[in-house]
Amino acid sequence: MLCQRLWYLGILLAAPSLVPAQEQDFSKVEIRTTRLADGLYALQGAGGNMTASVGTDGVLLVDSEFAPLADKIRAALRELGGGGPAGGPASNQPGSSARSDLSVRYVINTHYHFDHTGANAAFARDGATVIAQDNVRARLLTGGTAGNGGSISREVPAVEAAALPQVTFDHELTAHVNGADARAVHYSHAHTDGDTIVFFLRTGTVAMGDIYVRYGFPFIDITGGGSVQGMIAACEDVLRRVPGDARVVPGHGEVAGVADLREYLQMLKDTSATVADAIKAGKTLAQMKQERILGRWSERYSPPKAFVDTDAFIETLYNSLRQGHTARHGSRPR
């Protein structure tokens, strides 16, 4: 399982040039789009999910997937009325007004992992401004180790200068584009130490990055400053902010609703409490695995060939709870 988890981590995190071609056949990847609201779409390819605001101001894109997919992402955005390089001709989409600028104008990174930032440089060269929380730029600049503090670990290289965010923020930032506000809010020590959740205030839609995923037990980058305490705090805050009919774009998996996020949050709370009780009782990590203390959640969250299997998630929770973190996030959207 260790080799298998390293392979999946490579798919999710590593620069494409570092992964064997047979494992990264981007020629077969298709970019699927899902309409979330007028002018707002979810895009899914091979890496992290993207969210795009498309309108007369151009495109604001949340996350950028892998570099080799940039052309396919542009093509998908053109189908929606945007996505061409800066200075490209206007387009008259059926049933919509002419776009004054088809380009991707802004890219907001939800965190530093390469399956969410890989095409930063491609869009920056088109003229886009890349935006991220301060810690994202720092980690992209230096590289480092991504892992759960146990069996999942991989070195992540520094990126080229063109891929670095040009604009960074500490707590929160609001982009006023396409007649609406996209508010980026930092949640500390969640999936990583630089996570951003983007709230599209007019439509009640939220792009959560890898704080919320739908592939099973989540990967929490403990060595990258993440913690389960921060994951829980972030999900709780999102549920306080969004309306009951909100569309929730996870970092991976299909678009969800509030009920799905609430179920995921309860899993995080219950599994954390189980491991915390075991720590309090003096049990070792090996004993927790042997006793399968998270067995009741395995069928739902640890399917065959899971990226994060039950033992790896026990490691994650054990390491997170033992080191402790205080979650912090920006102010409440007005």
Protein backbone atom coordinates (compact mmCIF):
# COMPACT_ATOMS: atom_id res chain seq x y z
CA MET A 1 0.00 0.00 0.00
CA LEU A 2 2.88 2.40 0.63
CA CYS A 3 4.00 2.28 -3.01
CA GLN A 4 0.40 2.68 -4.13
CA ARG A 5 -0.10 5.75 -1.93
CA LEU A 6 3.11 7.30 -3.25
CA TRP A 7 1.86 6.75 -6.80
CA TYR A 8 -1.45 8.49 -6.06
CA LEU A 9 0.36 11.33 -4.29
CA GLY A 10 2.49 11.74 -7.38
CA ILE A 11 -0.62 12.01 -9.55
CA LEU A 12 -2.16 14.59 -7.24
CA LEU A 13 0.88 16.63 -6.31
CA ALA A 14 3.90 16.16 -8.54
CA ALA A 15 4.89 18.27 -11.50
CA PRO A 16 3.90 16.35 -14.65
CA SER A 17 7.50 16.18 -15.86
CA LEU A 18 8.42 14.15 -12.77
CA VAL A 19 5.78 11.49 -13.31
CA PRO A 20 6.17 8.74 -15.94
CA ALA A 21 4.26 9.49 -19.12
CA GLN A 22 2.21 6.32 -18.87
CA GLU A 23 0.86 7.58 -15.54
CA GLN A 24 0.10 11.05 -16.91
CA ASP A 25 -1.48 10.60 -20.33
CA PHE A 26 -3.03 14.06 -20.61
CA SER A 27 -3.97 13.46 -24.26
CA LYS A 28 -6.94 11.43 -23.08
CA VAL A 29 -8.16 13.93 -20.50
CA GLU A 30 -11.39 15.77 -21.21
CA ILE A 31 -12.44 18.94 -19.38
CA ARG A 32 -16.03 18.58 -18.20
CA THR A 33 -18.07 21.65 -17.31
CA THR A 34 -21.02 22.01 -14.95
CA ARG A 35 -23.16 25.13 -14.83
CA LEU A 36 -23.49 26.41 -11.26
CA ALA A 37 -25.30 29.69 -11.95
CA ASP A 38 -25.44 32.33 -14.67
CA GLY A 39 -21.83 32.91 -15.74
CA LEU A 40 -20.41 30.50 -13.14
CA TYR A 41 -19.12 27.00 -13.90
CA ALA A 42 -17.25 24.08 -12.37
CA LEU A 43 -14.56 22.47 -14.56
CA GLN A 44 -13.15 18.99 -13.97
CA GLY A 45 -10.18 17.35 -15.65
CA ALA A 46 -7.30 15.27 -14.24
CA GLY A 47 -6.31 17.33 -11.19
CA GLY A 48 -8.15 19.54 -8.77
CA ASN A 49 -11.52 20.96 -9.71
CA MET A 50 -11.70 24.50 -11.07
CA THR A 51 -14.41 27.14 -10.81
CA ALA A 52 -14.80 29.84 -13.46
CA SER A 53 -16.65 33.15 -13.44
CA VAL A 54 -17.17 34.08 -17.09
CA GLY A 55 -18.46 37.46 -18.23
CA THR A 56 -17.75 40.81 -19.84
CA ASP A 57 -14.72 41.36 -17.58
CA GLY A 58 -13.16 38.12 -18.77
CA VAL A 59 -12.59 34.97 -16.70
CA LEU A 60 -11.76 34.56 -13.04
CA LEU A 61 -10.51 31.00 -12.58
CA VAL A 62 -10.17 29.25 -9.23
CA ASP A 63 -7.20 26.86 -9.53
CA SER A 64 -5.46 25.87 -12.74
CA GLU A 65 -4.92 22.08 -12.83
CA PHE A 66 -1.83 20.66 -14.61
CA ALA A 67 0.28 22.63 -17.11
CA PRO A 68 -0.25 20.23 -20.07
CA LEU A 69 -4.01 20.81 -19.76
CA ALA A 70 -3.85 24.58 -20.25
CA ASP A 71 -4.95 24.43 -23.90
CA LYS A 72 -7.84 22.12 -23.07
CA ILE A 73 -8.90 24.42 -20.23
CA ARG A 74 -8.78 27.41 -22.61
CA ALA A 75 -10.89 25.49 -25.13
CA ALA A 76 -13.47 24.57 -22.48
CA LEU A 77 -13.65 28.19 -21.35
CA ARG A 78 -14.10 29.37 -24.95
CA GLU A 79 -17.13 27.10 -25.19
CA LEU A 80 -18.51 28.98 -22.17
CA GLY A 81 -17.68 32.39 -23.66
CA GLY A 82 -14.15 33.02 -22.38
CA GLY A 83 -10.64 31.66 -22.11
CA GLY A 84 -8.70 33.02 -25.06
CA PRO A 85 -5.35 34.76 -24.65
CA ALA A 86 -5.32 38.41 -23.65
CA GLY A 87 -6.17 40.67 -26.58
CA GLY A 88 -8.07 37.95 -28.42
CA PRO A 89 -11.15 38.78 -30.49
CA ALA A 90 -14.55 39.11 -28.91
CA SER A 91 -16.97 36.22 -29.24
CA ASN A 92 -20.71 36.12 -29.78
CA GLN A 93 -21.96 33.03 -28.02
CA PRO A 94 -25.52 31.95 -28.88
CA GLY A 95 -27.90 33.45 -26.38
CA SER A 96 -25.32 35.76 -24.80
CA SER A 97 -23.90 39.22 -25.33
CA ALA A 98 -20.50 39.73 -26.97
CA ARG A 99 -17.58 39.38 -24.62
CA SER A 100 -15.35 42.44 -24.45
CA ASP A 101 -12.38 40.32 -23.34
CA LEU A 102 -12.12 36.55 -23.61
CA SER A 103 -8.97 36.15 -21.53
CA VAL A 104 -8.42 34.52 -18.17
CA ARG A 105 -7.83 37.71 -16.20
CA TYR A 106 -7.37 36.25 -12.72
CA VAL A 107 -6.37 32.87 -11.28
CA ILE A 108 -6.93 32.28 -7.56
CA ASN A 109 -5.02 29.31 -6.11
CA THR A 110 -6.75 27.51 -3.23
CA HIS A 111 -3.39 26.04 -2.05
CA TYR A 112 0.08 25.18 -3.32
CA HIS A 113 -0.31 21.59 -4.58
CA PHE A 114 0.60 21.13 -8.23
CA ASP A 115 -2.67 19.61 -9.33
CA HIS A 116 -4.22 23.01 -8.48
CA THR A 117 -1.41 25.35 -9.58
CA GLY A 118 0.25 23.54 -12.50
CA ALA A 119 -1.05 25.83 -15.26
CA ASN A 120 -0.35 29.08 -13.38
CA ALA A 121 2.53 29.96 -15.69
CA ALA A 122 0.53 29.28 -18.85
CA PHE A 123 -2.25 31.63 -17.83
CA ALA A 124 0.19 34.21 -16.45
CA ARG A 125 1.90 34.31 -19.85
CA ASP A 126 -1.53 34.99 -21.37
CA GLY A 127 -1.75 38.03 -19.11
CA ALA A 128 -3.59 36.64 -16.09
CA THR A 129 -2.85 37.84 -12.57
CA VAL A 130 -2.28 34.89 -10.22
CA ILE A 131 -3.56 35.45 -6.69
CA ALA A 132 -2.97 33.33 -3.57
CA GLN A 133 -2.52 33.46 0.17
CA ASP A 134 0.97 34.48 1.33
CA ASN A 135 2.01 30.95 2.33
CA VAL A 136 1.16 29.55 -1.11
CA ARG A 137 3.72 31.79 -2.81
CA ALA A 138 6.31 30.92 -0.15
CA ARG A 139 5.85 27.17 -0.67
CA LEU A 140 5.80 27.40 -4.46
CA LEU A 141 8.97 29.48 -4.31
CA THR A 142 10.97 27.06 -2.16
CA GLY A 143 9.37 23.65 -2.66
CA GLY A 144 9.35 21.18 0.20
CA THR A 145 7.78 17.97 1.45
CA ALA A 146 4.09 17.14 1.20
CA GLY A 147 2.82 14.34 3.42
CA ASN A 148 0.76 13.17 6.34
CA GLY A 149 3.71 12.77 8.69
CA GLY A 150 3.68 9.02 8.10
CA SER A 151 3.42 6.70 5.11
CA ILE A 152 2.42 9.40 2.61
CA SER A 153 5.35 11.65 1.70
CA ARG A 154 6.76 13.23 -1.44
CA GLU A 155 9.22 15.98 -2.24
CA VAL A 156 7.60 18.81 -4.19
CA PRO A 157 9.98 20.96 -6.28
CA ALA A 158 9.98 24.74 -6.47
CA VAL A 159 8.16 26.21 -9.47
CA GLU A 160 9.41 28.49 -12.23
CA ALA A 161 9.13 32.21 -11.58
CA ALA A 162 6.25 32.64 -14.04
CA ALA A 163 4.07 30.29 -11.96
CA LEU A 164 4.38 32.30 -8.75
CA PRO A 165 1.39 34.37 -7.58
CA GLN A 166 1.88 38.05 -8.37
CA VAL A 167 -0.65 39.17 -5.76
CA THR A 168 -0.80 37.66 -2.28
CA PHE A 169 -2.92 38.35 0.79
CA ASP A 170 -3.02 37.40 4.46
CA HIS A 171 -6.63 37.04 5.65
CA GLU A 172 -8.95 37.79 2.73
CA LEU A 173 -9.30 39.45 -0.65
CA THR A 174 -12.29 40.34 -2.81
CA ALA A 175 -12.28 40.38 -6.61
CA HIS A 176 -15.04 42.45 -8.18
CA VAL A 177 -15.56 40.87 -11.59
CA ASN A 178 -18.43 40.20 -13.97
CA GLY A 179 -20.86 42.19 -11.86
CA ALA A 180 -20.31 40.09 -8.74
CA ASP A 181 -17.95 39.62 -5.81
CA ALA A 182 -15.64 36.63 -5.38
CA ARG A 183 -14.33 36.68 -1.83
CA ALA A 184 -11.19 34.65 -1.10
CA VAL A 185 -10.85 33.79 2.60
CA HIS A 186 -7.79 32.19 4.19
CA TYR A 187 -8.25 29.21 6.53
CA SER A 188 -5.03 28.44 8.37
CA HIS A 189 -3.71 24.97 9.13
CA ALA A 190 -6.48 23.13 7.28
CA HIS A 191 -5.51 21.05 4.23
CA THR A 192 -2.23 23.04 4.24
CA ASP A 193 -1.10 26.28 5.90
CA GLY A 194 -2.15 28.41 2.93
CA ASP A 195 -5.70 27.33 2.08
CA THR A 196 -8.19 29.69 0.49
CA ILE A 197 -11.91 29.14 0.09
CA VAL A 198 -13.63 31.32 -2.52
CA PHE A 199 -17.19 32.50 -1.87
CA PHE A 200 -19.20 33.69 -4.87
CA LEU A 201 -21.52 35.85 -2.86
CA ARG A 202 -24.26 36.65 -5.37
CA THR A 203 -24.92 33.01 -6.29
CA GLY A 204 -24.30 31.35 -2.92
CA THR A 205 -21.62 29.13 -4.46
CA VAL A 206 -18.38 28.18 -2.70
CA ALA A 207 -15.15 26.69 -4.08
CA MET A 208 -13.44 24.84 -1.22
CA GLY A 209 -10.23 23.44 -2.68
CA ASP A 210 -9.00 20.31 -0.93
CA ILE A 211 -10.46 21.26 2.43
CA TYR A 212 -13.44 19.32 1.10
CA VAL A 213 -12.95 16.32 -1.20
CA ARG A 214 -15.19 13.47 -2.28
CA TYR A 215 -12.71 10.66 -3.04
CA GLY A 216 -12.83 9.23 0.52
CA PHE A 217 -10.74 10.04 3.57
CA PRO A 218 -9.02 13.37 2.80
CA PHE A 219 -5.31 13.85 2.36
CA ILE A 220 -4.23 16.41 4.97
CA ASP A 221 -0.77 17.79 4.28
CA ILE A 222 0.57 17.72 7.85
CA THR A 223 4.12 18.49 6.75
CA GLY A 224 2.72 21.40 4.73
CA GLY A 225 1.09 22.93 7.80
CA GLY A 226 -2.28 21.20 7.60
CA SER A 227 -4.36 19.77 10.44
CA VAL A 228 -7.67 18.06 10.99
CA GLN A 229 -8.54 20.75 13.54
CA GLY A 230 -8.26 23.37 10.80
CA MET A 231 -10.25 21.22 8.37
CA ILE A 232 -13.08 20.97 10.88
CA ALA A 233 -13.01 24.68 11.68
CA ALA A 234 -13.08 25.60 7.99
CA CYS A 235 -16.03 23.34 7.18
CA GLU A 236 -17.95 24.63 10.19
CA ASP A 237 -17.36 28.22 9.10
CA VAL A 238 -18.46 27.54 5.53
CA LEU A 239 -21.68 25.97 6.78
CA ARG A 240 -22.36 29.08 8.87
CA ARG A 241 -21.80 31.36 5.88
CA VAL A 242 -23.58 29.74 2.95
CA PRO A 243 -27.32 29.41 2.26
CA GLY A 244 -29.03 26.05 2.55
CA ASP A 245 -29.19 25.64 -1.23
CA ALA A 246 -25.53 26.50 -1.85
CA ARG A 247 -23.56 24.71 -4.55
CA VAL A 248 -20.31 23.40 -3.08
CA VAL A 249 -17.36 22.75 -5.42
CA PRO A 250 -14.96 20.30 -3.74
CA GLY A 251 -11.27 20.03 -4.55
CA HIS A 252 -11.92 16.62 -6.09
CA GLY A 253 -15.17 14.89 -6.98
CA GLU A 254 -18.61 15.97 -8.12
CA VAL A 255 -20.29 19.25 -7.19
CA ALA A 256 -22.04 18.84 -3.85
CA GLY A 257 -24.58 20.48 -1.61
CA VAL A 258 -24.74 21.60 1.99
CA ALA A 259 -25.99 18.21 3.22
CA ASP A 260 -22.97 16.48 1.64
CA LEU A 261 -20.56 18.90 3.31
CA ARG A 262 -22.31 18.43 6.63
CA GLU A 263 -21.91 14.64 6.39
CA TYR A 264 -18.21 15.03 5.59
CA LEU A 265 -17.74 17.37 8.54
CA GLN A 266 -19.39 14.89 10.87
CA MET A 267 -16.99 12.19 9.66
CA LEU A 268 -14.02 14.45 10.43
CA LYS A 269 -15.36 15.15 13.91
CA ASP A 270 -16.21 11.54 14.73
CA THR A 271 -12.97 10.02 13.46
CA SER A 272 -10.93 12.72 15.22
CA ALA A 273 -12.75 12.05 18.48
CA THR A 274 -12.11 8.32 18.14
CA VAL A 275 -8.36 8.81 17.65
CA ALA A 276 -8.22 11.44 20.41
CA ASP A 277 -9.84 8.98 22.84
CA ALA A 278 -7.30 6.33 21.84
CA ILE A 279 -4.42 8.76 22.45
CA LYS A 280 -5.87 9.68 25.83
CA ALA A 281 -6.09 5.97 26.69
CA GLY A 282 -2.35 5.64 25.97
CA LYS A 283 -2.66 3.54 22.82
CA THR A 284 0.17 3.59 20.30
CA LEU A 285 -0.30 4.28 16.61
CA ALA A 286 0.41 0.61 15.87
CA GLN A 287 -2.27 -0.46 18.33
CA MET A 288 -4.83 1.84 16.75
CA LYS A 289 -4.16 0.34 13.34
CA GLN A 290 -4.23 -3.21 14.68
CA GLU A 291 -7.53 -2.59 16.45
CA ARG A 292 -8.99 -0.93 13.34
CA ILE A 293 -10.43 1.88 15.41
CA LEU A 294 -11.76 3.61 12.28
CA GLY A 295 -13.22 0.43 10.84
CA ARG A 296 -16.81 1.68 10.93
CA TRP A 297 -15.92 4.41 8.40
CA SER A 298 -13.74 2.28 6.11
CA GLU A 299 -16.42 1.04 3.73
CA ARG A 300 -17.66 4.57 3.04
CA TYR A 301 -14.35 6.45 2.98
CA SER A 302 -11.66 3.87 2.16
CA PRO A 303 -12.71 2.07 -1.03
CA PRO A 304 -10.34 -0.36 -2.78
CA LYS A 305 -7.18 1.38 -4.06
CA ALA A 306 -8.02 4.44 -1.97
CA PHE A 307 -5.48 7.26 -2.08
CA VAL A 308 -5.80 7.64 1.70
CA ASP A 309 -6.69 4.27 3.19
CA THR A 310 -7.85 3.74 6.76
CA ASP A 311 -4.38 3.18 8.23
CA ALA A 312 -3.04 6.28 6.50
CA PHE A 313 -5.91 8.35 7.85
CA ILE A 314 -5.26 7.06 11.37
CA GLU A 315 -1.68 8.28 10.92
CA THR A 316 -2.95 11.64 9.71
CA LEU A 317 -5.27 12.15 12.68
CA TYR A 318 -2.72 10.85 15.17
CA ASN A 319 0.00 13.20 13.90
CA SER A 320 -2.36 16.15 13.64
CA LEU A 321 -3.86 15.77 17.11
CA ARG A 322 -0.49 15.30 18.75
CA GLN A 323 1.02 18.45 17.27
CA GLY A 324 -2.01 20.71 17.70
CA HIS A 325 -2.95 23.81 15.73
CA THR A 326 -5.14 26.86 16.27
CA ALA A 327 -7.33 27.50 13.26
CA ARG A 328 -7.75 31.05 11.98
CA HIS A 329 -9.63 32.56 9.09
CA GLY A 330 -10.65 35.88 7.63
CA SER A 331 -13.64 38.00 8.57
CA ARG A 332 -17.18 37.07 7.71
CA PRO A 333 -18.40 38.17 4.24
CA ARG A 334 -20.68 41.18 4.51
